[in-house]
């Protein structure tokens, strides 16, 4: 019976340790490829603002990680 308790304690300690290591991980990189110029520029800006609002409501983090943004203007071209 003691070995089960010892194993359970070891598993619990390992899971807590891995959770704290994960929380200190690198920034989460988020790329936004949206129309920032031309006819649909307002739509691209609105989508970005909505995402940033969500992020602010979540305390500026996703999954416990800080977020780093990259913006790319798709210039309304499918390629």
C-alpha atoms as a PDB file:
ATOM      1  CA  UNK A   1       0.000   0.000   0.000  1.00  0.00           C
ATOM      2  CA  UNK A   2       2.868   2.353   0.771  1.00  0.00           C
ATOM      3  CA  UNK A   3       4.317   1.993  -2.724  1.00  0.00           C
ATOM      4  CA  UNK A   4       1.041   3.224  -4.292  1.00  0.00           C
ATOM      5  CA  UNK A   5       1.078   6.304  -2.084  1.00  0.00           C
ATOM      6  CA  UNK A   6       4.709   6.960  -2.937  1.00  0.00           C
ATOM      7  CA  UNK A   7       4.018   6.604  -6.665  1.00  0.00           C
ATOM      8  CA  UNK A   8       1.007   8.900  -6.439  1.00  0.00           C
ATOM      9  CA  UNK A   9       3.059  11.533  -4.606  1.00  0.00           C
ATOM     10  CA  UNK A  10       5.818  11.305  -7.215  1.00  0.00           C
ATOM     11  CA  UNK A  11       3.334  11.689 -10.081  1.00  0.00           C
ATOM     12  CA  UNK A  12       1.653  14.640  -8.378  1.00  0.00           C
ATOM     13  CA  UNK A  13       4.984  16.358  -7.757  1.00  0.00           C
ATOM     14  CA  UNK A  14       6.095  15.800 -11.350  1.00  0.00           C
ATOM     15  CA  UNK A  15       2.868  17.226 -12.757  1.00  0.00           C
ATOM     16  CA  UNK A  16       3.133  20.330 -10.564  1.00  0.00           C
ATOM     17  CA  UNK A  17       6.752  20.820 -11.594  1.00  0.00           C
ATOM     18  CA  UNK A  18       5.955  20.475 -15.295  1.00  0.00           C
ATOM     19  CA  UNK A  19       3.076  22.951 -14.974  1.00  0.00           C
ATOM     20  CA  UNK A  20       5.348  25.566 -13.424  1.00  0.00           C
ATOM     21  CA  UNK A  21       7.993  25.015 -16.128  1.00  0.00           C
ATOM     22  CA  UNK A  22       5.335  25.388 -18.831  1.00  0.00           C
ATOM     23  CA  UNK A  23       4.108  28.650 -17.302  1.00  0.00           C
ATOM     24  CA  UNK A  24       7.619  30.087 -17.611  1.00  0.00           C
ATOM     25  CA  UNK A  25       7.918  29.089 -21.277  1.00  0.00           C
ATOM     26  CA  UNK A  26       8.753  31.464 -24.093  1.00  0.00           C
ATOM     27  CA  UNK A  27       6.292  33.950 -25.505  1.00  0.00           C
ATOM     28  CA  UNK A  28       3.515  32.619 -27.703  1.00  0.00           C
ATOM     29  CA  UNK A  29       3.925  33.996 -31.224  1.00  0.00           C
ATOM     30  CA  UNK A  30       0.670  34.931 -32.976  1.00  0.00           C
ATOM     31  CA  UNK A  31       0.651  35.934 -36.627  1.00  0.00           C
ATOM     32  CA  UNK A  32      -2.173  38.039 -37.991  1.00  0.00           C
ATOM     33  CA  UNK A  33      -2.380  37.949 -41.788  1.00  0.00           C
ATOM     34  CA  UNK A  34      -5.209  40.347 -42.518  1.00  0.00           C
ATOM     35  CA  UNK A  35      -6.122  43.053 -45.040  1.00  0.00           C
ATOM     36  CA  UNK A  36      -4.579  46.235 -43.645  1.00  0.00           C
ATOM     37  CA  UNK A  37      -4.732  48.187 -46.915  1.00  0.00           C
ATOM     38  CA  UNK A  38      -7.260  48.707 -49.659  1.00  0.00           C
ATOM     39  CA  UNK A  39     -11.001  48.141 -49.585  1.00  0.00           C
ATOM     40  CA  UNK A  40     -11.023  45.708 -46.654  1.00  0.00           C
ATOM     41  CA  UNK A  41      -8.562  47.567 -44.394  1.00  0.00           C
ATOM     42  CA  UNK A  42     -11.307  48.438 -41.898  1.00  0.00           C
ATOM     43  CA  UNK A  43     -12.222  44.754 -41.609  1.00  0.00           C
ATOM     44  CA  UNK A  44      -8.618  43.744 -40.885  1.00  0.00           C
ATOM     45  CA  UNK A  45      -8.304  46.422 -38.236  1.00  0.00           C
ATOM     46  CA  UNK A  46     -11.594  45.376 -36.629  1.00  0.00           C
ATOM     47  CA  UNK A  47     -10.495  41.720 -36.466  1.00  0.00           C
ATOM     48  CA  UNK A  48      -7.186  42.687 -34.873  1.00  0.00           C
ATOM     49  CA  UNK A  49      -8.918  44.958 -32.350  1.00  0.00           C
ATOM     50  CA  UNK A  50     -11.329  42.152 -31.440  1.00  0.00           C
ATOM     51  CA  UNK A  51      -8.480  39.743 -30.835  1.00  0.00           C
ATOM     52  CA  UNK A  52      -6.579  42.273 -28.749  1.00  0.00           C
ATOM     53  CA  UNK A  53      -9.741  42.947 -26.698  1.00  0.00           C
ATOM     54  CA  UNK A  54     -10.112  39.215 -26.018  1.00  0.00           C
ATOM     55  CA  UNK A  55      -6.460  39.034 -25.017  1.00  0.00           C
ATOM     56  CA  UNK A  56      -6.882  41.979 -22.638  1.00  0.00           C
ATOM     57  CA  UNK A  57      -9.897  40.267 -21.046  1.00  0.00           C
ATOM     58  CA  UNK A  58      -7.749  37.149 -20.490  1.00  0.00           C
ATOM     59  CA  UNK A  59      -5.086  39.116 -18.627  1.00  0.00           C
ATOM     60  CA  UNK A  60      -2.795  39.549 -21.619  1.00  0.00           C
ATOM     61  CA  UNK A  61      -1.923  35.854 -21.775  1.00  0.00           C
ATOM     62  CA  UNK A  62      -3.016  32.766 -23.639  1.00  0.00           C
ATOM     63  CA  UNK A  63      -2.439  29.475 -21.881  1.00  0.00           C
ATOM     64  CA  UNK A  64      -0.393  31.273 -19.256  1.00  0.00           C
ATOM     65  CA  UNK A  65       2.073  32.591 -21.834  1.00  0.00           C
ATOM     66  CA  UNK A  66       2.731  36.156 -22.956  1.00  0.00           C
ATOM     67  CA  UNK A  67       1.784  36.911 -26.554  1.00  0.00           C
ATOM     68  CA  UNK A  68       3.995  38.393 -29.248  1.00  0.00           C
ATOM     69  CA  UNK A  69       2.243  39.695 -32.397  1.00  0.00           C
ATOM     70  CA  UNK A  70       3.302  39.660 -36.006  1.00  0.00           C
ATOM     71  CA  UNK A  71       1.190  41.553 -38.513  1.00  0.00           C
ATOM     72  CA  UNK A  72       1.226  40.919 -42.259  1.00  0.00           C
ATOM     73  CA  UNK A  73      -0.869  42.783 -44.813  1.00  0.00           C
ATOM     74  CA  UNK A  74      -2.291  40.222 -47.242  1.00  0.00           C
ATOM     75  CA  UNK A  75      -2.987  43.062 -49.715  1.00  0.00           C
ATOM     76  CA  UNK A  76      -6.241  41.298 -50.699  1.00  0.00           C
ATOM     77  CA  UNK A  77      -4.360  38.630 -52.653  1.00  0.00           C
ATOM     78  CA  UNK A  78      -5.235  34.940 -52.124  1.00  0.00           C
ATOM     79  CA  UNK A  79      -1.642  33.743 -52.633  1.00  0.00           C
END
